């Protein structure tokens, strides 16, 4: 029989074990809850990012005629009560489709400055750099966020096939200019038509045709207008390659500045990008005049707010809510940028500066970069997807350009991509363009008498199966 002291000792030990067990459970629960709350904060960080503002703020600004909503959240493009222009007229009303200019092979007709931003010339004089971008009808809604983040001049080339697409584009661009002051003031549009599906006429469009759509829903409005596009046009678009290199060249030459930041329309610049980049370029020294300043590009989970700064972006990346562009789809697309080193460089100083040089350049690298407009053009033989941007970057490398990564500037592409989201026709277009590349690389060697990557050495190509080569 156990003594009372032994029983008490045993009970005390059990109570202590229970307390330790309960404490452990509580710690685990607290840590789990903390992680959940942190993730929720990252996914829905409206208060801390300054996305919310009161009616008093708007009323206080109304006497000044403007209200600067925060640029780090999506609502800023939907809630500006001073953006709407009820007198905006439909675009393309004075366009003569019998004119225009042809590309070198007469496959596409081009209309430069079909629509001119109201302050495009003024902004060209103010800034040392212009953003050049290109888009199809399906993605043009992304320009809303681009134009709110980029405060300088924007040159945008858009591809339109047939009378029906031209009509939808006319309605939608008129709607964008009506609803969004930054687009109305900053963006000049250039049109590119395919020869075998060129539009014949421009329909009469009135303000009531585009003014009836809600300014708070730019993407949904586009989807509604897309119903006016014929099914035959949609089928034609799938079978015929998208001439993105033509569009890039048109957009770039539409810029009037010596420095150009060439992007695709769904690449969104970070907050305060233009002013920061402009200051850097005015002080930058490039002895060879052959410098290309790389802007790191990240994919961003659709559920999160746009990061206010580099620190926010790194936090999202650490949580798996952001990652380098094309990291899962085709890692070589951006790999040479060395995102790890860029993140270690830290968020300070806030002014744009060179983080590091690209020292491990390899073929298939295709960064978004800022450079002087004397860089080689994009080869227009490459149509559709594959070998479009990376061949131009490869020629720059052979020509002697030094790629330098800037910090803390960055760009974002919405959505974490995966291989399953890539349609099969992209690989077919890759195969066609791969044949043109065999000719292209020999031409580059003949121009510069250099083959630094040994591209002309016969060898079996090593490509990851199922991966698309670039955009």
Protein backbone atom coordinates (compact mmCIF):
# COMPACT_ATOMS: atom_id res chain seq x y z
CA UNK A 1 0.00 0.00 0.00
CA UNK A 2 1.35 3.41 -1.10
CA UNK A 3 1.83 6.16 1.43
CA UNK A 4 0.02 9.50 1.20
CA UNK A 5 3.27 11.26 0.31
CA UNK A 6 3.83 8.90 -2.61
CA UNK A 7 0.31 9.49 -3.93
CA UNK A 8 0.70 13.25 -3.60
CA UNK A 9 4.07 13.11 -5.37
CA UNK A 10 2.56 11.11 -8.21
CA UNK A 11 -0.43 13.43 -8.54
CA UNK A 12 1.85 16.46 -8.50
CA UNK A 13 3.96 14.93 -11.26
CA UNK A 14 0.84 14.20 -13.31
CA UNK A 15 -0.45 17.75 -12.84
CA UNK A 16 2.90 19.14 -13.94
CA UNK A 17 2.89 16.87 -17.03
CA UNK A 18 -0.64 18.01 -17.85
CA UNK A 19 0.36 21.65 -17.49
CA UNK A 20 3.33 21.11 -19.82
CA UNK A 21 1.12 19.26 -22.29
CA UNK A 22 -1.52 21.99 -22.20
CA UNK A 23 1.17 24.63 -22.63
CA UNK A 24 2.56 22.78 -25.66
CA UNK A 25 -0.89 22.50 -27.24
CA UNK A 26 -1.53 26.19 -26.55
CA UNK A 27 1.80 27.14 -28.16
CA UNK A 28 1.04 25.08 -31.27
CA UNK A 29 -2.44 26.61 -31.53
CA UNK A 30 -1.05 30.11 -31.05
CA UNK A 31 1.59 29.57 -33.71
CA UNK A 32 -0.99 28.14 -36.12
CA UNK A 33 -3.36 31.04 -35.48
CA UNK A 34 -0.52 33.51 -35.95
CA UNK A 35 0.34 32.01 -39.36
CA UNK A 36 -3.32 32.04 -40.40
CA UNK A 37 -3.71 35.69 -39.38
CA UNK A 38 -0.50 36.64 -41.17
CA UNK A 39 -1.65 34.92 -44.35
CA UNK A 40 -5.06 36.61 -44.13
CA UNK A 41 -3.31 39.93 -43.65
CA UNK A 42 -1.21 39.35 -46.74
CA UNK A 43 -4.25 38.22 -48.73
CA UNK A 44 -6.46 41.07 -47.62
CA UNK A 45 -4.25 43.86 -46.41
CA UNK A 46 -6.50 46.81 -47.01
CA UNK A 47 -6.10 48.79 -43.80
CA UNK A 48 -2.30 48.63 -43.56
CA UNK A 49 -1.75 49.29 -47.24
CA UNK A 50 -3.73 52.50 -47.08
CA UNK A 51 -6.36 51.24 -49.53
CA UNK A 52 -9.28 52.49 -47.46
CA UNK A 53 -10.27 56.12 -47.26
CA UNK A 54 -13.28 57.96 -45.90
CA UNK A 55 -15.87 60.12 -47.61
CA UNK A 56 -14.40 63.03 -45.64
CA UNK A 57 -11.12 62.54 -47.48
CA UNK A 58 -12.90 62.77 -50.82
CA UNK A 59 -14.94 65.79 -49.75
CA UNK A 60 -11.81 67.56 -48.52
CA UNK A 61 -10.17 67.02 -51.90
CA UNK A 62 -13.23 67.94 -53.96
CA UNK A 63 -12.54 71.62 -53.69
CA UNK A 64 -9.14 71.04 -55.28
CA UNK A 65 -10.65 69.02 -58.12
CA UNK A 66 -8.59 65.90 -57.49
CA UNK A 67 -8.24 63.07 -55.05
CA UNK A 68 -5.09 60.95 -55.09
CA UNK A 69 -6.15 57.44 -54.14
CA UNK A 70 -3.38 55.05 -53.11
CA UNK A 71 -1.64 53.39 -56.03
CA UNK A 72 -0.92 50.17 -54.14
CA UNK A 73 -4.41 48.70 -54.29
CA UNK A 74 -6.82 47.88 -57.08
CA UNK A 75 -9.67 50.02 -55.79
CA UNK A 76 -7.86 53.22 -56.76
CA UNK A 77 -8.70 52.61 -60.41
CA UNK A 78 -12.36 52.06 -59.64
CA UNK A 79 -13.21 54.77 -57.12
CA UNK A 80 -11.88 58.07 -58.43
CA UNK A 81 -14.95 60.34 -58.56
CA UNK A 82 -13.10 62.93 -60.68
CA UNK A 83 -11.95 60.63 -63.46
CA UNK A 84 -15.09 60.52 -65.57
CA UNK A 85 -15.38 62.62 -68.69
CA UNK A 86 -18.95 62.85 -69.92
CA UNK A 87 -17.90 64.69 -73.08
CA UNK A 88 -15.46 62.02 -74.27
CA UNK A 89 -15.97 61.14 -77.94
CA UNK A 90 -15.58 57.74 -79.56
CA UNK A 91 -12.08 56.88 -80.80
CA UNK A 92 -11.13 56.21 -84.44
CA UNK A 93 -13.91 58.52 -85.68
CA UNK A 94 -11.53 60.28 -88.07
CA UNK A 95 -9.44 57.25 -89.07
CA UNK A 96 -9.11 56.61 -92.81
CA UNK A 97 -8.66 52.87 -93.31
CA UNK A 98 -7.37 53.43 -96.84
CA UNK A 99 -4.19 54.91 -95.43
CA UNK A 100 -1.70 53.49 -92.92
CA UNK A 101 1.70 51.94 -93.60
CA UNK A 102 2.76 48.36 -94.32
CA UNK A 103 5.31 46.26 -92.50
CA UNK A 104 8.35 45.06 -94.49
CA UNK A 105 6.60 41.96 -95.82
CA UNK A 106 3.20 43.63 -96.33
CA UNK A 107 1.49 41.26 -93.94
CA UNK A 108 0.18 43.92 -91.56
CA UNK A 109 -1.06 47.48 -91.95
CA UNK A 110 -0.10 49.93 -89.21
CA UNK A 111 -1.81 53.15 -88.09
CA UNK A 112 0.53 55.17 -85.89
CA UNK A 113 -1.09 57.42 -83.27
CA UNK A 114 -4.65 56.39 -84.08
CA UNK A 115 -5.47 57.86 -80.66
CA UNK A 116 -3.24 60.41 -78.93
CA UNK A 117 -3.16 60.90 -75.18
CA UNK A 118 -4.15 64.42 -74.19
CA UNK A 119 -0.90 64.96 -72.26
CA UNK A 120 1.31 62.50 -74.15
CA UNK A 121 3.55 65.22 -75.63
CA UNK A 122 3.69 67.14 -72.36
CA UNK A 123 4.67 64.02 -70.42
CA UNK A 124 7.28 63.16 -73.05
CA UNK A 125 9.00 66.45 -72.29
CA UNK A 126 8.69 65.97 -68.54
CA UNK A 127 10.18 62.46 -68.32
CA UNK A 128 13.29 60.90 -69.82
CA UNK A 129 11.64 57.52 -70.39
CA UNK A 130 8.51 56.17 -72.09
CA UNK A 131 6.69 52.90 -71.47
CA UNK A 132 6.03 50.93 -74.66
CA UNK A 133 3.58 48.05 -74.51
CA UNK A 134 1.42 45.89 -76.75
CA UNK A 135 -1.83 43.99 -76.44
CA UNK A 136 -4.56 42.00 -78.10
CA UNK A 137 -8.22 42.78 -77.49
CA UNK A 138 -8.50 40.10 -74.79
CA UNK A 139 -5.90 41.60 -72.47
CA UNK A 140 -6.30 45.34 -73.00
CA UNK A 141 -8.14 45.75 -69.65
CA UNK A 142 -4.75 45.37 -67.90
CA UNK A 143 -3.88 48.82 -69.20
CA UNK A 144 -6.09 50.32 -66.49
CA UNK A 145 -3.69 49.35 -63.74
CA UNK A 146 -0.59 50.00 -65.86
CA UNK A 147 -1.69 53.57 -66.58
CA UNK A 148 -2.35 54.29 -62.92
CA UNK A 149 1.07 53.03 -61.84
CA UNK A 150 3.06 54.54 -64.73
CA UNK A 151 2.73 58.33 -64.60
CA UNK A 152 4.73 59.09 -67.75
CA UNK A 153 3.92 58.70 -71.46
CA UNK A 154 2.67 55.31 -72.68
CA UNK A 155 2.85 54.06 -76.27
CA UNK A 156 0.51 51.11 -76.79
CA UNK A 157 0.22 49.02 -79.97
CA UNK A 158 -2.96 46.97 -80.27
CA UNK A 159 -3.79 44.16 -82.68
CA UNK A 160 -7.26 44.06 -84.22
CA UNK A 161 -8.63 41.60 -86.80
CA UNK A 162 -11.79 42.32 -88.81
CA UNK A 163 -14.63 44.81 -88.62
CA UNK A 164 -16.15 43.15 -85.55
CA UNK A 165 -12.97 43.36 -83.45
CA UNK A 166 -12.37 46.93 -84.55
CA UNK A 167 -15.90 47.82 -83.40
CA UNK A 168 -15.35 46.20 -79.99
CA UNK A 169 -11.95 47.89 -79.66
CA UNK A 170 -13.52 51.23 -80.58
CA UNK A 171 -16.18 50.83 -77.90
CA UNK A 172 -13.76 49.64 -75.24
CA UNK A 173 -11.03 52.23 -75.78
CA UNK A 174 -13.73 54.93 -75.78
CA UNK A 175 -15.01 53.49 -72.50
CA UNK A 176 -11.48 53.44 -70.99
CA UNK A 177 -10.84 57.05 -71.97
CA UNK A 178 -14.25 58.05 -70.67
CA UNK A 179 -13.74 56.38 -67.28
CA UNK A 180 -10.03 56.63 -66.55
CA UNK A 181 -8.22 59.93 -66.67
CA UNK A 182 -4.70 58.39 -66.68
CA UNK A 183 -5.53 56.48 -69.88
CA UNK A 184 -7.12 59.52 -71.48
CA UNK A 185 -4.09 61.67 -70.70
CA UNK A 186 -1.08 59.34 -70.83
CA UNK A 187 -1.73 56.69 -73.49
CA UNK A 188 -1.32 56.97 -77.24
CA UNK A 189 -2.65 54.01 -79.23
CA UNK A 190 -1.40 52.53 -82.50
CA UNK A 191 -3.40 50.00 -84.52
CA UNK A 192 -2.09 46.94 -86.35
CA UNK A 193 -4.36 45.01 -88.77
CA UNK A 194 -3.63 41.72 -90.57
CA UNK A 195 -3.72 41.97 -94.36
CA UNK A 196 -6.06 39.01 -94.81
CA UNK A 197 -8.52 40.24 -92.18
CA UNK A 198 -8.29 44.00 -92.40
CA UNK A 199 -11.43 45.95 -91.42
CA UNK A 200 -13.36 47.69 -94.20
CA UNK A 201 -15.23 50.36 -92.31
CA UNK A 202 -15.60 52.12 -88.99
CA UNK A 203 -19.03 52.13 -87.40
CA UNK A 204 -20.55 55.26 -85.98
CA UNK A 205 -20.28 55.14 -82.19
CA UNK A 206 -21.88 57.65 -79.82
CA UNK A 207 -21.21 58.46 -76.20
CA UNK A 208 -24.32 56.58 -75.09
CA UNK A 209 -22.89 53.39 -76.61
CA UNK A 210 -19.91 53.24 -74.25
CA UNK A 211 -21.05 55.59 -71.47
CA UNK A 212 -23.66 53.12 -70.25
CA UNK A 213 -21.07 50.67 -68.93
CA UNK A 214 -19.93 50.79 -65.31
CA UNK A 215 -16.54 52.39 -64.81
CA UNK A 216 -16.04 50.23 -61.72
CA UNK A 217 -15.89 47.04 -63.82
CA UNK A 218 -13.32 47.35 -66.63
CA UNK A 219 -12.67 43.62 -67.01
CA UNK A 220 -16.35 42.64 -66.84
CA UNK A 221 -17.19 45.38 -69.34
CA UNK A 222 -14.70 43.95 -71.82
CA UNK A 223 -16.21 40.49 -71.43
CA UNK A 224 -19.64 41.95 -72.17
CA UNK A 225 -18.38 43.75 -75.27
CA UNK A 226 -16.59 40.62 -76.49
CA UNK A 227 -20.03 39.20 -77.27
CA UNK A 228 -20.07 41.48 -80.32
CA UNK A 229 -17.10 39.58 -81.77
CA UNK A 230 -18.06 36.93 -84.31
CA UNK A 231 -17.26 33.29 -83.59
CA UNK A 232 -15.41 33.12 -86.93
CA UNK A 233 -13.00 35.81 -85.74
CA UNK A 234 -12.31 33.93 -82.52
CA UNK A 235 -11.51 30.78 -84.52
CA UNK A 236 -9.27 32.76 -86.87
CA UNK A 237 -7.32 34.15 -83.92
CA UNK A 238 -6.54 30.64 -82.65
CA UNK A 239 -5.24 29.44 -86.01
CA UNK A 240 -3.25 32.55 -86.91
CA UNK A 241 -0.20 33.59 -84.87
CA UNK A 242 -0.22 36.83 -82.92
CA UNK A 243 2.41 39.26 -84.34
CA UNK A 244 3.82 40.39 -81.03
CA UNK A 245 7.22 41.39 -82.40
CA UNK A 246 5.57 43.70 -84.93
CA UNK A 247 3.58 45.24 -82.10
CA UNK A 248 6.64 45.67 -79.90
CA UNK A 249 8.47 47.51 -82.66
CA UNK A 250 5.46 49.74 -83.36
CA UNK A 251 4.98 50.59 -79.67
CA UNK A 252 8.66 51.27 -79.15
CA UNK A 253 8.94 53.61 -82.12
CA UNK A 254 5.80 55.40 -80.97
CA UNK A 255 7.77 56.54 -77.92
CA UNK A 256 9.34 59.95 -78.41
CA UNK A 257 11.87 59.56 -75.59
CA UNK A 258 15.41 58.26 -76.03
CA UNK A 259 14.86 55.72 -73.21
CA UNK A 260 12.18 53.05 -73.50
CA UNK A 261 10.78 50.53 -71.04
CA UNK A 262 9.34 47.80 -73.27
CA UNK A 263 6.74 45.49 -71.67
CA UNK A 264 3.67 43.42 -72.40
CA UNK A 265 0.36 44.93 -71.32
CA UNK A 266 -0.17 42.52 -68.41
CA UNK A 267 3.15 43.49 -66.78
CA UNK A 268 2.30 45.98 -64.02
CA UNK A 269 4.99 48.43 -62.74
CA UNK A 270 5.46 48.91 -59.02
CA UNK A 271 4.25 52.02 -57.18
CA UNK A 272 6.16 55.29 -57.83
CA UNK A 273 8.00 53.50 -60.60
CA UNK A 274 8.21 56.31 -63.16
CA UNK A 275 9.59 59.04 -60.92
CA UNK A 276 12.14 56.71 -59.36
CA UNK A 277 13.31 55.39 -62.72
CA UNK A 278 13.45 58.87 -64.23
CA UNK A 279 15.74 60.11 -61.45
CA UNK A 280 18.01 57.12 -61.92
CA UNK A 281 18.28 57.53 -65.70
CA UNK A 282 19.12 61.21 -65.45
CA UNK A 283 22.11 60.37 -63.23
CA UNK A 284 23.09 57.00 -64.72
CA UNK A 285 26.47 56.73 -66.41
CA UNK A 286 26.99 54.11 -69.08
CA UNK A 287 30.38 54.57 -70.72
CA UNK A 288 29.67 52.24 -73.65
CA UNK A 289 26.09 53.46 -74.18
CA UNK A 290 25.22 49.76 -74.18
CA UNK A 291 23.49 49.27 -70.86
CA UNK A 292 20.16 47.56 -70.37
CA UNK A 293 18.55 47.93 -66.93
CA UNK A 294 16.64 44.80 -65.98
CA UNK A 295 13.44 45.13 -63.93
CA UNK A 296 12.71 41.96 -61.89
CA UNK A 297 9.28 40.51 -62.69
CA UNK A 298 7.23 38.43 -60.26
CA UNK A 299 4.05 36.40 -60.54
CA UNK A 300 1.52 37.37 -57.87
CA UNK A 301 -1.26 35.30 -56.34
CA UNK A 302 -4.62 36.70 -57.50
CA UNK A 303 -5.92 36.83 -53.92
CA UNK A 304 -3.40 39.35 -52.57
CA UNK A 305 -3.14 43.11 -52.73
CA UNK A 306 -0.58 44.67 -55.00
CA UNK A 307 2.62 45.07 -52.91
CA UNK A 308 3.33 48.64 -51.83
CA UNK A 309 7.09 48.21 -52.05
CA UNK A 310 9.91 45.69 -52.31
CA UNK A 311 9.58 44.67 -48.65
CA UNK A 312 5.94 43.76 -49.19
CA UNK A 313 6.85 41.76 -52.29
CA UNK A 314 9.56 39.81 -50.45
CA UNK A 315 7.13 38.98 -47.63
CA UNK A 316 4.66 37.65 -50.19
CA UNK A 317 7.42 35.62 -51.85
CA UNK A 318 8.42 34.12 -48.50
CA UNK A 319 4.81 32.99 -48.00
CA UNK A 320 4.60 31.44 -51.47
CA UNK A 321 2.19 34.14 -52.67
CA UNK A 322 4.67 35.57 -55.18
CA UNK A 323 7.49 34.03 -57.20
CA UNK A 324 9.77 34.89 -60.16
CA UNK A 325 7.93 35.19 -63.46
CA UNK A 326 7.56 31.88 -65.36
CA UNK A 327 9.37 30.04 -62.54
CA UNK A 328 7.17 26.95 -62.86
CA UNK A 329 6.40 27.24 -66.58
CA UNK A 330 9.87 27.93 -67.97
CA UNK A 331 12.54 28.82 -65.42
CA UNK A 332 15.16 29.99 -67.95
CA UNK A 333 12.88 32.88 -68.92
CA UNK A 334 14.07 35.01 -65.99
CA UNK A 335 16.65 32.83 -64.23
CA UNK A 336 19.73 34.92 -65.09
CA UNK A 337 18.23 37.91 -63.25
CA UNK A 338 19.24 36.15 -59.98
CA UNK A 339 16.21 36.97 -57.84
CA UNK A 340 17.89 35.62 -54.70
CA UNK A 341 20.62 38.22 -54.95
CA UNK A 342 18.05 40.94 -55.70
CA UNK A 343 16.08 40.08 -52.58
CA UNK A 344 19.21 40.03 -50.42
CA UNK A 345 20.09 43.50 -51.74
CA UNK A 346 17.34 44.73 -49.44
CA UNK A 347 14.72 47.45 -49.80
CA UNK A 348 17.08 50.30 -48.93
CA UNK A 349 17.96 52.76 -50.28
CA UNK A 350 14.55 53.67 -51.68
CA UNK A 351 16.06 55.39 -54.72
CA UNK A 352 16.59 53.21 -57.78
CA UNK A 353 20.09 51.81 -58.04
CA UNK A 354 21.95 48.93 -59.66
CA UNK A 355 21.69 45.85 -57.47
CA UNK A 356 24.06 43.69 -59.53
CA UNK A 357 25.16 42.79 -63.04
CA UNK A 358 23.79 39.78 -64.89
CA UNK A 359 26.84 37.52 -65.01
CA UNK A 360 25.31 34.18 -65.97
CA UNK A 361 23.60 35.13 -69.23
CA UNK A 362 22.23 32.18 -71.16
CA UNK A 363 20.13 31.78 -74.25
CA UNK A 364 16.34 31.87 -73.64
CA UNK A 365 16.77 34.69 -71.10
CA UNK A 366 14.18 37.38 -71.80
CA UNK A 367 13.96 40.04 -69.11
CA UNK A 368 11.89 43.20 -69.25
CA UNK A 369 14.42 46.00 -69.39
CA UNK A 370 14.91 49.74 -69.85
CA UNK A 371 17.36 50.82 -72.54
CA UNK A 372 18.16 53.47 -75.09
CA UNK A 373 16.06 53.19 -78.24
CA UNK A 374 19.09 52.27 -80.34
CA UNK A 375 18.89 48.59 -79.29
CA UNK A 376 18.26 46.05 -82.10
CA UNK A 377 14.60 45.67 -83.15
CA UNK A 378 12.57 42.52 -82.59
CA UNK A 379 12.81 40.23 -85.60
CA UNK A 380 9.37 40.17 -87.25
CA UNK A 381 9.85 36.75 -88.82
CA UNK A 382 9.05 35.26 -85.42
CA UNK A 383 5.25 35.18 -85.24
CA UNK A 384 3.19 33.91 -82.35
CA UNK A 385 4.95 32.39 -79.33
CA UNK A 386 8.49 31.17 -78.91
CA UNK A 387 11.79 32.87 -79.80
CA UNK A 388 10.21 36.31 -79.93
CA UNK A 389 11.70 38.28 -77.02
CA UNK A 390 14.67 36.07 -76.22
CA UNK A 391 16.15 36.33 -79.74
CA UNK A 392 16.21 40.12 -79.45
CA UNK A 393 17.85 39.92 -76.01
CA UNK A 394 20.34 37.38 -77.37
CA UNK A 395 21.35 39.77 -80.16
CA UNK A 396 21.83 42.54 -77.59
CA UNK A 397 24.12 40.24 -75.61
CA UNK A 398 26.18 39.37 -78.70
CA UNK A 399 26.36 43.07 -79.58
CA UNK A 400 27.99 43.76 -76.21
CA UNK A 401 25.18 45.06 -74.03
CA UNK A 402 25.61 44.75 -70.26
CA UNK A 403 22.44 43.78 -68.39
CA UNK A 404 22.20 45.36 -64.93
CA UNK A 405 19.45 44.61 -62.43
CA UNK A 406 17.74 47.59 -60.79
CA UNK A 407 16.40 47.76 -57.24
CA UNK A 408 13.96 48.38 -55.57
CA UNK A 409 11.88 48.67 -58.76
CA UNK A 410 9.90 45.61 -59.87
CA UNK A 411 6.99 44.56 -62.06
CA UNK A 412 4.17 42.11 -61.43
CA UNK A 413 2.17 39.66 -63.51
CA UNK A 414 -1.11 38.62 -61.89
CA UNK A 415 -1.58 34.90 -61.28
CA UNK A 416 0.71 32.02 -60.38
CA UNK A 417 1.24 30.19 -63.66
CA UNK A 418 1.58 26.47 -64.29
CA UNK A 419 2.25 24.27 -67.29
CA UNK A 420 -1.34 23.05 -67.55
CA UNK A 421 -2.51 26.58 -68.35
CA UNK A 422 -0.46 26.64 -71.57
CA UNK A 423 -2.47 25.69 -74.69
CA UNK A 424 -1.11 23.09 -77.13
CA UNK A 425 -0.95 25.54 -80.04
CA UNK A 426 1.89 27.41 -78.30
CA UNK A 427 4.20 24.44 -78.74
CA UNK A 428 3.27 24.22 -82.43
CA UNK A 429 4.23 27.87 -82.88
CA UNK A 430 7.48 27.20 -81.00
CA UNK A 431 8.37 24.51 -83.50
CA UNK A 432 7.83 26.83 -86.46
CA UNK A 433 9.88 29.64 -84.90
CA UNK A 434 12.66 27.23 -83.97
CA UNK A 435 13.34 26.74 -87.67
CA UNK A 436 13.62 30.48 -88.20
CA UNK A 437 16.05 30.67 -85.31
CA UNK A 438 18.51 28.44 -87.15
CA UNK A 439 18.72 31.17 -89.80
CA UNK A 440 18.60 34.03 -87.29
CA UNK A 441 21.61 32.90 -85.22
CA UNK A 442 23.78 32.69 -88.34
CA UNK A 443 22.73 36.20 -89.33
CA UNK A 444 23.66 37.49 -85.86
CA UNK A 445 27.09 35.88 -86.19
CA UNK A 446 27.56 37.49 -89.60
CA UNK A 447 26.63 40.92 -88.18
CA UNK A 448 28.86 40.85 -85.11
CA UNK A 449 31.44 38.15 -85.92
CA UNK A 450 30.95 36.71 -82.43
CA UNK A 451 29.42 33.53 -81.07
CA UNK A 452 29.87 33.84 -77.27
CA UNK A 453 27.35 31.13 -76.39
CA UNK A 454 28.65 28.70 -79.04
CA UNK A 455 25.28 28.70 -80.76
CA UNK A 456 26.79 27.58 -84.06
CA UNK A 457 28.50 24.52 -82.58
CA UNK A 458 26.51 21.45 -83.72
CA UNK A 459 24.88 19.83 -80.73
CA UNK A 460 21.66 18.21 -79.71
CA UNK A 461 19.36 20.85 -78.22
CA UNK A 462 18.58 20.41 -74.55
CA UNK A 463 15.13 21.65 -73.72
CA UNK A 464 12.89 20.61 -70.83
CA UNK A 465 10.03 18.58 -72.26
CA UNK A 466 6.71 20.35 -72.51
CA UNK A 467 8.01 23.83 -71.70
CA UNK A 468 7.17 26.73 -73.96
CA UNK A 469 10.05 28.94 -75.02
CA UNK A 470 9.13 32.43 -73.92
CA UNK A 471 6.23 34.57 -74.96
